[in-house]
Amino acid sequence: MVKDRSIAGGAMTPTIVLSDKAHRQLQALNVSRDNFLRVWVEAGGCSGMLYQAAIDTQIGPEDRILYEDEYLRILSDPQSANFFEGVHVDYSDDLVKAGFRFHNPGAVRSCGCGSSFSCAS
């Protein structure tokens, strides 16, 4: 379970682990501390839940800091935050499916393409 990493509670140990390649790609996309990456999960995909992400500038008081360093910040809403505990994010520039890959060690099932997952109830 994610500890209090709300904006009001301050930053703590990162919940998400970024590979160097993912970090560089986020910076190339102009993700920063002010233009941060917002991540969330929603129902869908072949395994039940989908990872979603967008660049955002509006921070709410209940938002959770999942990753923060001197260059960039990743936030989530409190309902999605627990799904990102321990997630490793990598970036692949292969020809077939370039993009960010989420590796969730807590997932009990995930699809072959890495886009969706399911967790124990």
PDB file of N, CA and C in Angstrom:
ATOM      1  N   MET A   1       0.840  -1.181   0.000  1.00  0.00           N
ATOM      2  CA  MET A   1       0.000   0.000   0.000  1.00  0.00           C
ATOM      3  C   MET A   1       0.886   1.247   0.000  1.00  0.00           C
ATOM      4  N   VAL A   2       0.528   2.244  -0.796  1.00  0.00           N
ATOM      5  CA  VAL A   2       1.295   3.474  -0.896  1.00  0.00           C
ATOM      6  C   VAL A   2       1.123   4.281   0.376  1.00  0.00           C
ATOM      7  N   LYS A   3       2.254   4.677   0.956  1.00  0.00           N
ATOM      8  CA  LYS A   3       2.201   5.538   2.136  1.00  0.00           C
ATOM      9  C   LYS A   3       1.790   6.934   1.694  1.00  0.00           C
ATOM     10  N   ASP A   4       1.616   7.844   2.658  1.00  0.00           N
ATOM     11  CA  ASP A   4       1.168   9.198   2.334  1.00  0.00           C
ATOM     12  C   ASP A   4       2.235   9.920   1.527  1.00  0.00           C
ATOM     13  N   ARG A   5       2.026   9.951   0.235  1.00  0.00           N
ATOM     14  CA  ARG A   5       2.887  10.713  -0.648  1.00  0.00           C
ATOM     15  C   ARG A   5       2.053  11.805  -1.319  1.00  0.00           C
ATOM     16  N   SER A   6       1.015  12.246  -0.629  1.00  0.00           N
ATOM     17  CA  SER A   6       0.192  13.301  -1.201  1.00  0.00           C
ATOM     18  C   SER A   6       1.028  14.563  -1.297  1.00  0.00           C
ATOM     19  N   ILE A   7       0.590  15.466  -2.122  1.00  0.00           N
ATOM     20  CA  ILE A   7       1.309  16.724  -2.275  1.00  0.00           C
ATOM     21  C   ILE A   7       1.473  17.390  -0.916  1.00  0.00           C
ATOM     22  N   ALA A   8       0.438  17.339  -0.098  1.00  0.00           N
ATOM     23  CA  ALA A   8       0.511  17.935   1.236  1.00  0.00           C
ATOM     24  C   ALA A   8       1.477  17.181   2.133  1.00  0.00           C
ATOM     25  N   GLY A   9       1.616  15.859   1.929  1.00  0.00           N
ATOM     26  CA  GLY A   9       2.479  15.034   2.770  1.00  0.00           C
ATOM     27  C   GLY A   9       3.941  15.076   2.382  1.00  0.00           C
ATOM     28  N   GLY A  10       4.278  15.606   1.204  1.00  0.00           N
ATOM     29  CA  GLY A  10       5.664  15.696   0.772  1.00  0.00           C
ATOM     30  C   GLY A  10       6.137  14.449   0.058  1.00  0.00           C
ATOM     31  N   ALA A  11       7.315  14.555  -0.540  1.00  0.00           N
ATOM     32  CA  ALA A  11       7.888  13.456  -1.320  1.00  0.00           C
ATOM     33  C   ALA A  11       8.549  12.441  -0.409  1.00  0.00           C
ATOM     34  N   MET A  12       8.504  11.179  -0.822  1.00  0.00           N
ATOM     35  CA  MET A  12       9.152  10.093  -0.098  1.00  0.00           C
ATOM     36  C   MET A  12       9.872   9.216  -1.118  1.00  0.00           C
ATOM     37  N   THR A  13      10.208   8.024  -0.741  1.00  0.00           N
ATOM     38  CA  THR A  13      10.870   7.088  -1.633  1.00  0.00           C
ATOM     39  C   THR A  13      10.017   6.855  -2.875  1.00  0.00           C
ATOM     40  N   PRO A  14      10.631   6.858  -4.070  1.00  0.00           N
ATOM     41  CA  PRO A  14       9.848   6.662  -5.291  1.00  0.00           C
ATOM     42  C   PRO A  14       9.093   5.341  -5.299  1.00  0.00           C
ATOM     43  N   THR A  15       7.882   5.380  -5.817  1.00  0.00           N
ATOM     44  CA  THR A  15       7.061   4.190  -5.991  1.00  0.00           C
ATOM     45  C   THR A  15       7.392   3.520  -7.313  1.00  0.00           C
ATOM     46  N   ILE A  16       7.647   4.333  -8.338  1.00  0.00           N
ATOM     47  CA  ILE A  16       7.976   3.851  -9.678  1.00  0.00           C
ATOM     48  C   ILE A  16       9.487   3.875  -9.854  1.00  0.00           C
ATOM     49  N   VAL A  17      10.008   2.852 -10.525  1.00  0.00           N
ATOM     50  CA  VAL A  17      11.429   2.802 -10.871  1.00  0.00           C
ATOM     51  C   VAL A  17      11.540   3.026 -12.373  1.00  0.00           C
ATOM     52  N   LEU A  18      12.323   4.030 -12.779  1.00  0.00           N
ATOM     53  CA  LEU A  18      12.510   4.340 -14.193  1.00  0.00           C
ATOM     54  C   LEU A  18      13.852   3.818 -14.676  1.00  0.00           C
ATOM     55  N   SER A  19      13.865   3.202 -15.845  1.00  0.00           N
ATOM     56  CA  SER A  19      15.144   2.860 -16.467  1.00  0.00           C
ATOM     57  C   SER A  19      15.762   4.158 -16.985  1.00  0.00           C
ATOM     58  N   ASP A  20      17.065   4.130 -17.236  1.00  0.00           N
ATOM     59  CA  ASP A  20      17.729   5.314 -17.791  1.00  0.00           C
ATOM     60  C   ASP A  20      17.112   5.697 -19.133  1.00  0.00           C
ATOM     61  N   LYS A  21      16.786   4.696 -19.935  1.00  0.00           N
ATOM     62  CA  LYS A  21      16.198   4.953 -21.250  1.00  0.00           C
ATOM     63  C   LYS A  21      14.824   5.616 -21.120  1.00  0.00           C
ATOM     64  N   ALA A  22      14.006   5.165 -20.179  1.00  0.00           N
ATOM     65  CA  ALA A  22      12.692   5.777 -19.951  1.00  0.00           C
ATOM     66  C   ALA A  22      12.852   7.210 -19.457  1.00  0.00           C
ATOM     67  N   HIS A  23      13.811   7.428 -18.569  1.00  0.00           N
ATOM     68  CA  HIS A  23      14.055   8.770 -18.038  1.00  0.00           C
ATOM     69  C   HIS A  23      14.453   9.721 -19.164  1.00  0.00           C
ATOM     70  N   ARG A  24      15.376   9.290 -20.014  1.00  0.00           N
ATOM     71  CA  ARG A  24      15.810  10.133 -21.138  1.00  0.00           C
ATOM     72  C   ARG A  24      14.650  10.425 -22.089  1.00  0.00           C
ATOM     73  N   GLN A  25      13.816   9.422 -22.357  1.00  0.00           N
ATOM     74  CA  GLN A  25      12.693   9.621 -23.273  1.00  0.00           C
ATOM     75  C   GLN A  25      11.660  10.579 -22.684  1.00  0.00           C
ATOM     76  N   LEU A  26      11.396  10.489 -21.402  1.00  0.00           N
ATOM     77  CA  LEU A  26      10.469  11.429 -20.764  1.00  0.00           C
ATOM     78  C   LEU A  26      10.999  12.852 -20.867  1.00  0.00           C
ATOM     79  N   GLN A  27      12.295  13.035 -20.650  1.00  0.00           N
ATOM     80  CA  GLN A  27      12.880  14.367 -20.790  1.00  0.00           C
ATOM     81  C   GLN A  27      12.786  14.847 -22.236  1.00  0.00           C
ATOM     82  N   ALA A  28      12.990  13.948 -23.207  1.00  0.00           N
ATOM     83  CA  ALA A  28      12.878  14.314 -24.619  1.00  0.00           C
ATOM     84  C   ALA A  28      11.453  14.745 -24.966  1.00  0.00           C
ATOM     85  N   LEU A  29      10.469  14.228 -24.247  1.00  0.00           N
ATOM     86  CA  LEU A  29       9.065  14.601 -24.446  1.00  0.00           C
ATOM     87  C   LEU A  29       8.679  15.839 -23.638  1.00  0.00           C
ATOM     88  N   ASN A  30       9.675  16.497 -23.056  1.00  0.00           N
ATOM     89  CA  ASN A  30       9.489  17.713 -22.259  1.00  0.00           C
ATOM     90  C   ASN A  30       8.729  17.486 -20.965  1.00  0.00           C
ATOM     91  N   VAL A  31       8.776  16.265 -20.442  1.00  0.00           N
ATOM     92  CA  VAL A  31       8.248  16.024 -19.100  1.00  0.00           C
ATOM     93  C   VAL A  31       9.252  16.625 -18.131  1.00  0.00           C
ATOM     94  N   SER A  32       8.749  17.361 -17.161  1.00  0.00           N
ATOM     95  CA  SER A  32       9.614  18.036 -16.191  1.00  0.00           C
ATOM     96  C   SER A  32       8.911  18.036 -14.833  1.00  0.00           C
ATOM     97  N   ARG A  33       9.401  18.844 -13.940  1.00  0.00           N
ATOM     98  CA  ARG A  33       8.739  18.967 -12.645  1.00  0.00           C
ATOM     99  C   ARG A  33       7.457  19.796 -12.779  1.00  0.00           C
ATOM    100  N   ASP A  34       7.422  20.728 -13.729  1.00  0.00           N
ATOM    101  CA  ASP A  34       6.229  21.559 -13.932  1.00  0.00           C
ATOM    102  C   ASP A  34       5.265  20.945 -14.947  1.00  0.00           C
ATOM    103  N   ASN A  35       5.794  20.355 -16.002  1.00  0.00           N
ATOM    104  CA  ASN A  35       4.996  19.615 -16.991  1.00  0.00           C
ATOM    105  C   ASN A  35       5.184  18.143 -16.673  1.00  0.00           C
ATOM    106  N   PHE A  36       4.527  17.699 -15.637  1.00  0.00           N
ATOM    107  CA  PHE A  36       4.774  16.360 -15.101  1.00  0.00           C
ATOM    108  C   PHE A  36       3.977  15.299 -15.851  1.00  0.00           C
ATOM    109  N   LEU A  37       4.347  14.054 -15.605  1.00  0.00           N
ATOM    110  CA  LEU A  37       3.623  12.927 -16.180  1.00  0.00           C
ATOM    111  C   LEU A  37       2.585  12.457 -15.178  1.00  0.00           C
ATOM    112  N   ARG A  38       1.332  12.434 -15.614  1.00  0.00           N
ATOM    113  CA  ARG A  38       0.251  11.889 -14.789  1.00  0.00           C
ATOM    114  C   ARG A  38      -0.039  10.481 -15.294  1.00  0.00           C
ATOM    115  N   VAL A  39      -0.020   9.507 -14.377  1.00  0.00           N
ATOM    116  CA  VAL A  39      -0.321   8.122 -14.741  1.00  0.00           C
ATOM    117  C   VAL A  39      -1.546   7.660 -13.964  1.00  0.00           C
ATOM    118  N   TRP A  40      -2.301   6.749 -14.567  1.00  0.00           N
ATOM    119  CA  TRP A  40      -3.475   6.186 -13.913  1.00  0.00           C
ATOM    120  C   TRP A  40      -3.775   4.837 -14.548  1.00  0.00           C
ATOM    121  N   VAL A  41      -4.669   4.110 -13.932  1.00  0.00           N
ATOM    122  CA  VAL A  41      -5.131   2.844 -14.510  1.00  0.00           C
ATOM    123  C   VAL A  41      -6.629   2.948 -14.749  1.00  0.00           C
ATOM    124  N   GLU A  42      -7.082   2.214 -15.757  1.00  0.00           N
ATOM    125  CA  GLU A  42      -8.518   2.147 -16.029  1.00  0.00           C
ATOM    126  C   GLU A  42      -8.842   0.744 -16.520  1.00  0.00           C
ATOM    127  N   ALA A  43     -10.094   0.389 -16.416  1.00  0.00           N
ATOM    128  CA  ALA A  43     -10.526  -0.938 -16.855  1.00  0.00           C
ATOM    129  C   ALA A  43     -10.362  -1.059 -18.360  1.00  0.00           C
ATOM    130  N   GLY A  44      -9.866  -2.230 -18.794  1.00  0.00           N
ATOM    131  CA  GLY A  44      -9.725  -2.472 -20.221  1.00  0.00           C
ATOM    132  C   GLY A  44      -8.597  -3.428 -20.527  1.00  0.00           C
ATOM    133  N   GLY A  45      -8.404  -3.687 -21.782  1.00  0.00           N
ATOM    134  CA  GLY A  45      -7.343  -4.583 -22.216  1.00  0.00           C
ATOM    135  C   GLY A  45      -7.701  -6.041 -21.991  1.00  0.00           C
ATOM    136  N   CYS A  46      -6.831  -6.921 -22.449  1.00  0.00           N
ATOM    137  CA  CYS A  46      -7.126  -8.354 -22.359  1.00  0.00           C
ATOM    138  C   CYS A  46      -6.918  -8.917 -20.958  1.00  0.00           C
ATOM    139  N   SER A  47      -6.233  -8.171 -20.081  1.00  0.00           N
ATOM    140  CA  SER A  47      -6.013  -8.672 -18.721  1.00  0.00           C
ATOM    141  C   SER A  47      -6.814  -7.928 -17.663  1.00  0.00           C
ATOM    142  N   GLY A  48      -7.586  -6.913 -18.046  1.00  0.00           N
ATOM    143  CA  GLY A  48      -8.484  -6.270 -17.098  1.00  0.00           C
ATOM    144  C   GLY A  48      -8.205  -4.822 -16.760  1.00  0.00           C
ATOM    145  N   MET A  49      -6.924  -4.421 -16.715  1.00  0.00           N
ATOM    146  CA  MET A  49      -6.572  -3.044 -16.358  1.00  0.00           C
ATOM    147  C   MET A  49      -5.545  -2.530 -17.363  1.00  0.00           C
ATOM    148  N   LEU A  50      -5.656  -1.239 -17.716  1.00  0.00           N
ATOM    149  CA  LEU A  50      -4.731  -0.604 -18.648  1.00  0.00           C
ATOM    150  C   LEU A  50      -3.984   0.526 -17.965  1.00  0.00           C
ATOM    151  N   TYR A  51      -2.714   0.670 -18.279  1.00  0.00           N
ATOM    152  CA  TYR A  51      -1.939   1.825 -17.844  1.00  0.00           C
ATOM    153  C   TYR A  51      -2.221   2.972 -18.803  1.00  0.00           C
ATOM    154  N   GLN A  52      -2.375   4.172 -18.265  1.00  0.00           N
ATOM    155  CA  GLN A  52      -2.577   5.372 -19.067  1.00  0.00           C
ATOM    156  C   GLN A  52      -1.625   6.447 -18.569  1.00  0.00           C
ATOM    157  N   ALA A  53      -1.265   7.379 -19.457  1.00  0.00           N
ATOM    158  CA  ALA A  53      -0.356   8.458 -19.071  1.00  0.00           C
ATOM    159  C   ALA A  53      -0.600   9.674 -19.948  1.00  0.00           C
ATOM    160  N   ALA A  54      -0.384  10.850 -19.380  1.00  0.00           N
ATOM    161  CA  ALA A  54      -0.505  12.100 -20.117  1.00  0.00           C
ATOM    162  C   ALA A  54       0.324  13.160 -19.404  1.00  0.00           C
ATOM    163  N   ILE A  55       0.777  14.130 -20.166  1.00  0.00           N
ATOM    164  CA  ILE A  55       1.482  15.258 -19.562  1.00  0.00           C
ATOM    165  C   ILE A  55       0.437  16.204 -18.995  1.00  0.00           C
ATOM    166  N   ASP A  56       0.694  16.717 -17.794  1.00  0.00           N
ATOM    167  CA  ASP A  56      -0.274  17.551 -17.084  1.00  0.00           C
ATOM    168  C   ASP A  56       0.473  18.674 -16.377  1.00  0.00           C
ATOM    169  N   THR A  57      -0.249  19.736 -16.038  1.00  0.00           N
ATOM    170  CA  THR A  57       0.333  20.845 -15.279  1.00  0.00           C
ATOM    171  C   THR A  57      -0.473  21.171 -14.027  1.00  0.00           C
ATOM    172  N   GLN A  58      -1.641  20.553 -13.860  1.00  0.00           N
ATOM    173  CA  GLN A  58      -2.511  20.844 -12.724  1.00  0.00           C
ATOM    174  C   GLN A  58      -2.342  19.784 -11.637  1.00  0.00           C
ATOM    175  N   ILE A  59      -1.914  20.215 -10.464  1.00  0.00           N
ATOM    176  CA  ILE A  59      -1.709  19.311  -9.334  1.00  0.00           C
ATOM    177  C   ILE A  59      -2.824  19.521  -8.323  1.00  0.00           C
ATOM    178  N   GLY A  60      -3.476  18.431  -7.930  1.00  0.00           N
ATOM    179  CA  GLY A  60      -4.509  18.486  -6.912  1.00  0.00           C
ATOM    180  C   GLY A  60      -3.944  18.130  -5.548  1.00  0.00           C
ATOM    181  N   PRO A  61      -4.604  18.537  -4.470  1.00  0.00           N
ATOM    182  CA  PRO A  61      -4.089  18.285  -3.122  1.00  0.00           C
ATOM    183  C   PRO A  61      -4.033  16.808  -2.753  1.00  0.00           C
ATOM    184  N   GLU A  62      -4.819  15.963  -3.407  1.00  0.00           N
ATOM    185  CA  GLU A  62      -4.825  14.530  -3.106  1.00  0.00           C
ATOM    186  C   GLU A  62      -3.899  13.725  -4.014  1.00  0.00           C
ATOM    187  N   ASP A  63      -3.316  14.377  -5.026  1.00  0.00           N
ATOM    188  CA  ASP A  63      -2.421  13.669  -5.939  1.00  0.00           C
ATOM    189  C   ASP A  63      -1.262  13.054  -5.178  1.00  0.00           C
ATOM    190  N   ARG A  64      -0.787  11.926  -5.669  1.00  0.00           N
ATOM    191  CA  ARG A  64       0.324  11.203  -5.059  1.00  0.00           C
ATOM    192  C   ARG A  64       1.558  11.324  -5.934  1.00  0.00           C
ATOM    193  N   ILE A  65       2.691  11.583  -5.312  1.00  0.00           N
ATOM    194  CA  ILE A  65       3.971  11.625  -6.005  1.00  0.00           C
ATOM    195  C   ILE A  65       4.486  10.197  -6.099  1.00  0.00           C
ATOM    196  N   LEU A  66       4.634   9.701  -7.319  1.00  0.00           N
ATOM    197  CA  LEU A  66       5.135   8.346  -7.517  1.00  0.00           C
ATOM    198  C   LEU A  66       6.620   8.335  -7.837  1.00  0.00           C
ATOM    199  N   TYR A  67       7.114   9.424  -8.419  1.00  0.00           N
ATOM    200  CA  TYR A  67       8.531   9.556  -8.745  1.00  0.00           C
ATOM    201  C   TYR A  67       8.847  11.037  -8.819  1.00  0.00           C
ATOM    202  N   GLU A  68      10.001  11.415  -8.293  1.00  0.00           N
ATOM    203  CA  GLU A  68      10.422  12.807  -8.370  1.00  0.00           C
ATOM    204  C   GLU A  68      11.928  12.868  -8.243  1.00  0.00           C
ATOM    205  N   ASP A  69      12.546  13.621  -9.141  1.00  0.00           N
ATOM    206  CA  ASP A  69      13.966  13.917  -9.014  1.00  0.00           C
ATOM    207  C   ASP A  69      14.165  15.365  -9.442  1.00  0.00           C
ATOM    208  N   GLU A  70      15.396  15.773  -9.641  1.00  0.00           N
ATOM    209  CA  GLU A  70      15.647  17.174  -9.967  1.00  0.00           C
ATOM    210  C   GLU A  70      15.155  17.566 -11.356  1.00  0.00           C
ATOM    211  N   TYR A  71      14.838  16.569 -12.205  1.00  0.00           N
ATOM    212  CA  TYR A  71      14.442  16.854 -13.579  1.00  0.00           C
ATOM    213  C   TYR A  71      12.963  16.648 -13.870  1.00  0.00           C
ATOM    214  N   LEU A  72      12.360  15.641 -13.267  1.00  0.00           N
ATOM    215  CA  LEU A  72      10.973  15.344 -13.617  1.00  0.00           C
ATOM    216  C   LEU A  72      10.187  14.791 -12.442  1.00  0.00           C
ATOM    217  N   ARG A  73       8.874  14.749 -12.654  1.00  0.00           N
ATOM    218  CA  ARG A  73       7.946  14.308 -11.611  1.00  0.00           C
ATOM    219  C   ARG A  73       6.853  13.460 -12.260  1.00  0.00           C
ATOM    220  N   ILE A  74       6.452  12.395 -11.548  1.00  0.00           N
ATOM    221  CA  ILE A  74       5.346  11.547 -11.988  1.00  0.00           C
ATOM    222  C   ILE A  74       4.325  11.496 -10.861  1.00  0.00           C
ATOM    223  N   LEU A  75       3.064  11.818 -11.188  1.00  0.00           N
ATOM    224  CA  LEU A  75       1.991  11.856 -10.198  1.00  0.00           C
ATOM    225  C   LEU A  75       0.852  10.924 -10.601  1.00  0.00           C
ATOM    226  N   SER A  76       0.023  10.608  -9.608  1.00  0.00           N
ATOM    227  CA  SER A  76      -1.162   9.788  -9.843  1.00  0.00           C
ATOM    228  C   SER A  76      -2.269  10.222  -8.900  1.00  0.00           C
ATOM    229  N   ASP A  77      -3.482   9.897  -9.274  1.00  0.00           N
ATOM    230  CA  ASP A  77      -4.600  10.081  -8.356  1.00  0.00           C
ATOM    231  C   ASP A  77      -4.498   9.008  -7.273  1.00  0.00           C
ATOM    232  N   PRO A  78      -5.101   9.228  -6.099  1.00  0.00           N
ATOM    233  CA  PRO A  78      -4.967   8.261  -5.003  1.00  0.00           C
ATOM    234  C   PRO A  78      -5.550   6.885  -5.309  1.00  0.00           C
ATOM    235  N   GLN A  79      -6.584   6.803  -6.147  1.00  0.00           N
ATOM    236  CA  GLN A  79      -7.187   5.508  -6.458  1.00  0.00           C
ATOM    237  C   GLN A  79      -6.257   4.640  -7.312  1.00  0.00           C
ATOM    238  N   SER A  80      -5.483   5.249  -8.180  1.00  0.00           N
ATOM    239  CA  SER A  80      -4.579   4.501  -9.061  1.00  0.00           C
ATOM    240  C   SER A  80      -3.211   4.247  -8.440  1.00  0.00           C
ATOM    241  N   ALA A  81      -2.835   5.040  -7.449  1.00  0.00           N
ATOM    242  CA  ALA A  81      -1.464   5.005  -6.928  1.00  0.00           C
ATOM    243  C   ALA A  81      -1.017   3.616  -6.487  1.00  0.00           C
ATOM    244  N   ASN A  82      -1.876   2.863  -5.825  1.00  0.00           N
ATOM    245  CA  ASN A  82      -1.478   1.537  -5.338  1.00  0.00           C
ATOM    246  C   ASN A  82      -1.125   0.572  -6.464  1.00  0.00           C
ATOM    247  N   PHE A  83      -1.695   0.766  -7.646  1.00  0.00           N
ATOM    248  CA  PHE A  83      -1.394  -0.109  -8.781  1.00  0.00           C
ATOM    249  C   PHE A  83       0.015   0.114  -9.330  1.00  0.00           C
ATOM    250  N   PHE A  84       0.668   1.204  -8.921  1.00  0.00           N
ATOM    251  CA  PHE A  84       2.003   1.522  -9.419  1.00  0.00           C
ATOM    252  C   PHE A  84       3.110   1.187  -8.425  1.00  0.00           C
ATOM    253  N   GLU A  85       2.754   0.647  -7.281  1.00  0.00           N
ATOM    254  CA  GLU A  85       3.756   0.293  -6.266  1.00  0.00           C
ATOM    255  C   GLU A  85       4.739  -0.730  -6.833  1.00  0.00           C
ATOM    256  N   GLY A  86       6.018  -0.343  -6.926  1.00  0.00           N
ATOM    257  CA  GLY A  86       7.067  -1.244  -7.398  1.00  0.00           C
ATOM    258  C   GLY A  86       7.150  -1.419  -8.898  1.00  0.00           C
ATOM    259  N   VAL A  87       6.361  -0.670  -9.660  1.00  0.00           N
ATOM    260  CA  VAL A  87       6.364  -0.804 -11.118  1.00  0.00           C
ATOM    261  C   VAL A  87       7.676  -0.267 -11.693  1.00  0.00           C
ATOM    262  N   HIS A  88       8.239  -1.024 -12.622  1.00  0.00           N
ATOM    263  CA  HIS A  88       9.428  -0.603 -13.361  1.00  0.00           C
ATOM    264  C   HIS A  88       8.971  -0.119 -14.729  1.00  0.00           C
ATOM    265  N   VAL A  89       9.416   1.072 -15.107  1.00  0.00           N
ATOM    266  CA  VAL A  89       9.050   1.638 -16.400  1.00  0.00           C
ATOM    267  C   VAL A  89      10.292   1.671 -17.281  1.00  0.00           C
ATOM    268  N   ASP A  90      10.167   1.116 -18.470  1.00  0.00           N
ATOM    269  CA  ASP A  90      11.255   1.097 -19.440  1.00  0.00           C
ATOM    270  C   ASP A  90      10.728   1.698 -20.738  1.00  0.00           C
ATOM    271  N   TYR A  91      11.632   2.018 -21.645  1.00  0.00           N
ATOM    272  CA  TYR A  91      11.231   2.521 -22.958  1.00  0.00           C
ATOM    273  C   TYR A  91      11.876   1.659 -24.023  1.00  0.00           C
ATOM    274  N   SER A  92      11.092   1.275 -25.012  1.00  0.00           N
ATOM    275  CA  SER A  92      11.598   0.475 -26.122  1.00  0.00           C
ATOM    276  C   SER A  92      11.410   1.254 -27.415  1.00  0.00           C
ATOM    277  N   ASP A  93      12.450   1.295 -28.224  1.00  0.00           N
ATOM    278  CA  ASP A  93      12.343   1.970 -29.519  1.00  0.00           C
ATOM    279  C   ASP A  93      12.376   0.963 -30.670  1.00  0.00           C
ATOM    280  N   ASP A  94      11.918  -0.256 -30.391  1.00  0.00           N
ATOM    281  CA  ASP A  94      11.907  -1.272 -31.445  1.00  0.00           C
ATOM    282  C   ASP A  94      10.883  -0.919 -32.527  1.00  0.00           C
ATOM    283  N   LEU A  95      11.028  -1.537 -33.680  1.00  0.00           N
ATOM    284  CA  LEU A  95      10.180  -1.207 -34.829  1.00  0.00           C
ATOM    285  C   LEU A  95       8.739  -1.665 -34.680  1.00  0.00           C
ATOM    286  N   VAL A  96       8.510  -2.750 -33.975  1.00  0.00           N
ATOM    287  CA  VAL A  96       7.173  -3.318 -33.883  1.00  0.00           C
ATOM    288  C   VAL A  96       6.295  -2.569 -32.894  1.00  0.00           C
ATOM    289  N   LYS A  97       6.814  -2.301 -31.714  1.00  0.00           N
ATOM    290  CA  LYS A  97       5.995  -1.660 -30.682  1.00  0.00           C
ATOM    291  C   LYS A  97       6.850  -0.729 -29.830  1.00  0.00           C
ATOM    292  N   ALA A  98       7.190   0.410 -30.390  1.00  0.00           N
ATOM    293  CA  ALA A  98       7.960   1.396 -29.638  1.00  0.00           C
ATOM    294  C   ALA A  98       7.062   2.029 -28.588  1.00  0.00           C
ATOM    295  N   GLY A  99       7.638   2.350 -27.445  1.00  0.00           N
ATOM    296  CA  GLY A  99       6.881   3.031 -26.410  1.00  0.00           C
ATOM    297  C   GLY A  99       7.312   2.625 -25.021  1.00  0.00           C
ATOM    298  N   PHE A 100       6.601   3.140 -24.050  1.00  0.00           N
ATOM    299  CA  PHE A 100       6.902   2.844 -22.657  1.00  0.00           C
ATOM    300  C   PHE A 100       6.333   1.483 -22.290  1.00  0.00           C
ATOM    301  N   ARG A 101       7.083   0.752 -21.496  1.00  0.00           N
ATOM    302  CA  ARG A 101       6.663  -0.569 -21.027  1.00  0.00           C
ATOM    303  C   ARG A 101       6.593  -0.535 -19.509  1.00  0.00           C
ATOM    304  N   PHE A 102       5.481  -0.975 -18.979  1.00  0.00           N
ATOM    305  CA  PHE A 102       5.274  -1.039 -17.537  1.00  0.00           C
ATOM    306  C   PHE A 102       5.424  -2.488 -17.091  1.00  0.00           C
ATOM    307  N   HIS A 103       6.348  -2.742 -16.182  1.00  0.00           N
ATOM    308  CA  HIS A 103       6.560  -4.083 -15.638  1.00  0.00           C
ATOM    309  C   HIS A 103       6.119  -4.059 -14.178  1.00  0.00           C
ATOM    310  N   ASN A 104       5.016  -4.725 -13.885  1.00  0.00           N
ATOM    311  CA  ASN A 104       4.427  -4.696 -12.551  1.00  0.00           C
ATOM    312  C   ASN A 104       4.684  -6.027 -11.852  1.00  0.00           C
ATOM    313  N   PRO A 105       5.589  -6.052 -10.849  1.00  0.00           N
ATOM    314  CA  PRO A 105       5.865  -7.308 -10.149  1.00  0.00           C
ATOM    315  C   PRO A 105       4.678  -7.806  -9.326  1.00  0.00           C
ATOM    316  N   GLY A 106       3.699  -6.950  -9.059  1.00  0.00           N
ATOM    317  CA  GLY A 106       2.526  -7.343  -8.289  1.00  0.00           C
ATOM    318  C   GLY A 106       1.387  -7.869  -9.136  1.00  0.00           C
ATOM    319  N   ALA A 107       1.561  -7.855 -10.451  1.00  0.00           N
ATOM    320  CA  ALA A 107       0.498  -8.335 -11.339  1.00  0.00           C
ATOM    321  C   ALA A 107       0.436  -9.853 -11.295  1.00  0.00           C
ATOM    322  N   VAL A 108      -0.775 -10.388 -11.206  1.00  0.00           N
ATOM    323  CA  VAL A 108      -0.946 -11.841 -11.238  1.00  0.00           C
ATOM    324  C   VAL A 108      -1.116 -12.329 -12.673  1.00  0.00           C
ATOM    325  N   ARG A 109      -1.410 -11.405 -13.574  1.00  0.00           N
ATOM    326  CA  ARG A 109      -1.543 -11.733 -14.983  1.00  0.00           C
ATOM    327  C   ARG A 109      -1.273 -10.478 -15.794  1.00  0.00           C
ATOM    328  N   SER A 110      -0.604 -10.625 -16.919  1.00  0.00           N
ATOM    329  CA  SER A 110      -0.416  -9.505 -17.829  1.00  0.00           C
ATOM    330  C   SER A 110      -0.440 -10.036 -19.252  1.00  0.00           C
ATOM    331  N   CYS A 111      -0.775  -9.152 -20.173  1.00  0.00           N
ATOM    332  CA  CYS A 111      -0.852  -9.589 -21.562  1.00  0.00           C
ATOM    333  C   CYS A 111       0.545  -9.609 -22.170  1.00  0.00           C
ATOM    334  N   GLY A 112       0.684 -10.277 -23.274  1.00  0.00           N
ATOM    335  CA  GLY A 112       1.975 -10.417 -23.924  1.00  0.00           C
ATOM    336  C   GLY A 112       2.572  -9.108 -24.384  1.00  0.00           C
ATOM    337  N   CYS A 113       1.739  -8.150 -24.729  1.00  0.00           N
ATOM    338  CA  CYS A 113       2.260  -6.875 -25.217  1.00  0.00           C
ATOM    339  C   CYS A 113       2.631  -5.929 -24.079  1.00  0.00           C
ATOM    340  N   GLY A 114       2.290  -6.267 -22.848  1.00  0.00           N
ATOM    341  CA  GLY A 114       2.655  -5.440 -21.704  1.00  0.00           C
ATOM    342  C   GLY A 114       1.764  -4.238 -21.485  1.00  0.00           C
ATOM    343  N   SER A 115       0.639  -4.164 -22.172  1.00  0.00           N
ATOM    344  CA  SER A 115      -0.246  -3.009 -22.038  1.00  0.00           C
ATOM    345  C   SER A 115      -1.265  -3.149 -20.926  1.00  0.00           C
ATOM    346  N   SER A 116      -1.654  -4.365 -20.597  1.00  0.00           N
ATOM    347  CA  SER A 116      -2.671  -4.533 -19.561  1.00  0.00           C
ATOM    348  C   SER A 116      -2.234  -5.582 -18.550  1.00  0.00           C
ATOM    349  N   PHE A 117      -2.905  -5.563 -17.403  1.00  0.00           N
ATOM    350  CA  PHE A 117      -2.531  -6.438 -16.293  1.00  0.00           C
ATOM    351  C   PHE A 117      -3.739  -6.666 -15.409  1.00  0.00           C
ATOM    352  N   SER A 118      -3.608  -7.597 -14.489  1.00  0.00           N
ATOM    353  CA  SER A 118      -4.604  -7.762 -13.429  1.00  0.00           C
ATOM    354  C   SER A 118      -3.862  -8.059 -12.140  1.00  0.00           C
ATOM    355  N   CYS A 119      -4.458  -7.657 -11.038  1.00  0.00           N
ATOM    356  CA  CYS A 119      -3.877  -7.863  -9.709  1.00  0.00           C
ATOM    357  C   CYS A 119      -4.814  -8.734  -8.886  1.00  0.00           C
ATOM    358  N   ALA A 120      -4.276  -9.324  -7.838  1.00  0.00           N
ATOM    359  CA  ALA A 120      -5.103 -10.117  -6.927  1.00  0.00           C
ATOM    360  C   ALA A 120      -6.118  -9.202  -6.263  1.00  0.00           C
ATOM    361  N   SER A 121      -7.287  -9.694  -6.015  1.00  0.00           N
ATOM    362  CA  SER A 121      -8.361  -8.894  -5.393  1.00  0.00           C
ATOM    363  C   SER A 121      -8.035  -8.581  -3.959  1.00  0.00           C
TER     364      SER A 121
END
